[in-house]
């Protein structure tokens, strides 16, 4: 009986060791944060979204643009990314107008992107599509800074 008990204990300890090593190695998808500013012809793009799509096309993450063209994207997969920038949707524009006019419904401000304090800068069509934007970056572990300068020319 003593032999079978010690072999089970040994097996259990070995199993826990393997599980611990896998957890420490980070066996899942690695995610990071990307932040930066979007400018068009030197002017901050204060409304819209920045999208990041993994090379395999399986992961898409976006972040809203805010004051000064700043964005903060979380849970972005590590690796090469295609990037594109879109203007706010009609619904987002309406929410921003209601917030700016002080007519936001209770709790609405938390859901909508912040109303820009600066005039809106248009985003050329080229940058609104991942295939034509020409914007790419490689995301590393931790926090990454990726400033995006787009041109109307």
Protein backbone atom coordinates (compact mmCIF):
# COMPACT_ATOMS: atom_id res chain seq x y z
CA UNK A 1 0.00 0.00 0.00
CA UNK A 2 2.81 2.37 0.77
CA UNK A 3 4.20 2.09 -2.75
CA UNK A 4 0.94 3.01 -4.49
CA UNK A 5 0.39 6.02 -2.22
CA UNK A 6 3.83 7.46 -2.85
CA UNK A 7 3.55 6.94 -6.61
CA UNK A 8 0.20 8.81 -6.57
CA UNK A 9 1.79 11.63 -4.58
CA UNK A 10 4.66 11.76 -7.02
CA UNK A 11 2.24 11.83 -9.97
CA UNK A 12 0.18 14.58 -8.31
CA UNK A 13 3.27 16.69 -7.61
CA UNK A 14 4.46 16.23 -11.19
CA UNK A 15 1.03 17.24 -12.51
CA UNK A 16 0.97 20.41 -10.41
CA UNK A 17 4.49 21.24 -11.54
CA UNK A 18 3.46 20.98 -15.21
CA UNK A 19 0.34 23.10 -14.66
CA UNK A 20 2.37 25.75 -12.83
CA UNK A 21 5.02 25.87 -15.55
CA UNK A 22 2.37 26.25 -18.26
CA UNK A 23 0.69 29.07 -16.33
CA UNK A 24 4.00 30.86 -15.84
CA UNK A 25 4.88 30.44 -19.52
CA UNK A 26 1.64 32.17 -20.55
CA UNK A 27 0.35 29.40 -22.76
CA UNK A 28 -2.65 31.51 -23.97
CA UNK A 29 -2.85 34.39 -26.43
CA UNK A 30 -0.60 37.26 -25.50
CA UNK A 31 -2.32 40.65 -25.42
CA UNK A 32 -0.98 44.19 -25.18
CA UNK A 33 -2.03 47.84 -25.11
CA UNK A 34 -1.56 50.32 -27.95
CA UNK A 35 -1.94 54.05 -27.48
CA UNK A 36 -1.13 57.10 -29.52
CA UNK A 37 -2.53 60.03 -31.45
CA UNK A 38 -4.09 60.34 -34.88
CA UNK A 39 -3.46 63.46 -36.93
CA UNK A 40 -4.50 64.43 -40.45
CA UNK A 41 -2.29 66.99 -42.18
CA UNK A 42 -0.97 67.98 -38.75
CA UNK A 43 -4.43 68.45 -37.15
CA UNK A 44 -5.78 66.13 -34.44
CA UNK A 45 -8.54 63.73 -35.53
CA UNK A 46 -10.79 63.98 -32.48
CA UNK A 47 -13.62 61.63 -33.39
CA UNK A 48 -13.79 58.21 -34.95
CA UNK A 49 -12.09 54.91 -34.27
CA UNK A 50 -8.73 53.23 -34.81
CA UNK A 51 -8.89 49.53 -35.74
CA UNK A 52 -6.20 46.87 -35.38
CA UNK A 53 -6.53 43.54 -37.25
CA UNK A 54 -4.18 40.61 -36.74
CA UNK A 55 -2.28 39.25 -39.70
CA UNK A 56 -4.48 36.12 -39.79
CA UNK A 57 -7.64 38.29 -39.71
CA UNK A 58 -9.05 36.46 -36.68
CA UNK A 59 -8.74 39.34 -34.19
CA UNK A 60 -10.01 42.90 -34.60
CA UNK A 61 -9.73 45.46 -31.80
CA UNK A 62 -10.73 49.11 -31.90
CA UNK A 63 -10.40 52.24 -29.78
CA UNK A 64 -12.29 55.54 -29.86
CA UNK A 65 -10.49 58.75 -30.72
CA UNK A 66 -10.73 61.57 -28.19
CA UNK A 67 -9.25 64.96 -27.34
CA UNK A 68 -6.06 65.75 -29.17
CA UNK A 69 -6.58 62.70 -31.40
CA UNK A 70 -5.62 60.35 -28.55
CA UNK A 71 -6.68 56.69 -28.40
CA UNK A 72 -6.04 53.78 -26.04
CA UNK A 73 -6.63 50.23 -27.34
CA UNK A 74 -6.53 47.31 -24.88
CA UNK A 75 -6.34 43.56 -25.41
CA UNK A 76 -4.58 43.91 -28.76
CA UNK A 77 -2.92 40.64 -29.83
CA UNK A 78 0.88 40.68 -30.01
CA UNK A 79 2.28 40.56 -33.54
CA UNK A 80 1.89 42.28 -36.93
CA UNK A 81 -1.29 44.37 -37.33
CA UNK A 82 -3.13 46.09 -40.15
CA UNK A 83 -4.44 49.47 -39.01
CA UNK A 84 -7.19 51.75 -40.30
CA UNK A 85 -9.09 54.79 -39.07
CA UNK A 86 -12.82 55.41 -39.51
CA UNK A 87 -15.03 58.42 -38.85
CA UNK A 88 -17.75 58.11 -36.21
CA UNK A 89 -20.91 56.29 -37.23
CA UNK A 90 -24.18 58.22 -37.56
CA UNK A 91 -25.31 56.91 -34.14
CA UNK A 92 -22.01 57.98 -32.53
CA UNK A 93 -22.28 61.46 -34.09
CA UNK A 94 -25.83 61.83 -32.74
CA UNK A 95 -24.72 60.76 -29.25
CA UNK A 96 -21.82 63.24 -29.34
CA UNK A 97 -24.20 66.02 -30.41
CA UNK A 98 -26.59 65.20 -27.56
CA UNK A 99 -23.71 65.13 -25.06
CA UNK A 100 -22.30 68.41 -26.37
CA UNK A 101 -25.78 69.96 -26.13
CA UNK A 102 -26.29 68.64 -22.60
CA UNK A 103 -29.19 66.43 -23.71
CA UNK A 104 -27.61 63.06 -23.03
CA UNK A 105 -29.87 60.42 -21.52
CA UNK A 106 -28.96 59.18 -18.06
CA UNK A 107 -25.98 56.82 -18.32
CA UNK A 108 -25.42 57.67 -22.01
CA UNK A 109 -22.09 59.44 -21.52
CA UNK A 110 -20.38 56.21 -20.39
CA UNK A 111 -21.40 54.40 -23.58
CA UNK A 112 -20.60 57.08 -26.15
CA UNK A 113 -17.27 58.47 -27.21
CA UNK A 114 -16.52 61.83 -25.66
CA UNK A 115 -17.79 64.84 -27.59
CA UNK A 116 -14.76 66.51 -29.17
CA UNK A 117 -13.84 69.99 -27.95
CA UNK A 118 -11.98 70.66 -31.20
CA UNK A 119 -13.48 70.89 -34.70
CA UNK A 120 -13.77 67.57 -36.49
CA UNK A 121 -11.12 66.67 -39.07
CA UNK A 122 -12.26 64.45 -41.92
CA UNK A 123 -10.62 61.09 -42.55
CA UNK A 124 -9.80 60.40 -46.23
CA UNK A 125 -11.45 57.25 -47.67
CA UNK A 126 -8.04 55.64 -48.24
CA UNK A 127 -7.47 55.30 -44.48
CA UNK A 128 -10.96 53.91 -43.76
CA UNK A 129 -10.19 50.50 -45.28
CA UNK A 130 -7.56 48.04 -44.01
CA UNK A 131 -6.61 47.04 -47.55
CA UNK A 132 -5.89 50.59 -48.76
CA UNK A 133 -4.74 52.40 -45.61
CA UNK A 134 -1.11 51.31 -45.87
CA UNK A 135 -0.94 51.50 -42.06
CA UNK A 136 0.74 48.65 -40.21
CA UNK A 137 2.48 48.13 -36.91
CA UNK A 138 3.95 45.28 -34.91
CA UNK A 139 2.57 45.06 -31.39
CA UNK A 140 4.90 43.88 -28.62
CA UNK A 141 4.07 42.80 -25.06
CA UNK A 142 3.22 45.62 -22.66
CA UNK A 143 2.24 49.13 -23.72
CA UNK A 144 3.03 50.25 -27.26
CA UNK A 145 2.92 53.79 -28.69
CA UNK A 146 1.76 54.11 -32.29
CA UNK A 147 1.09 57.64 -33.55
CA UNK A 148 -0.74 57.76 -36.88
CA UNK A 149 -0.27 60.63 -39.35
CA UNK A 150 -2.66 60.54 -42.30
CA UNK A 151 -2.68 62.87 -45.29
CA UNK A 152 -5.46 64.25 -47.46
CA UNK A 153 -3.05 64.36 -50.39
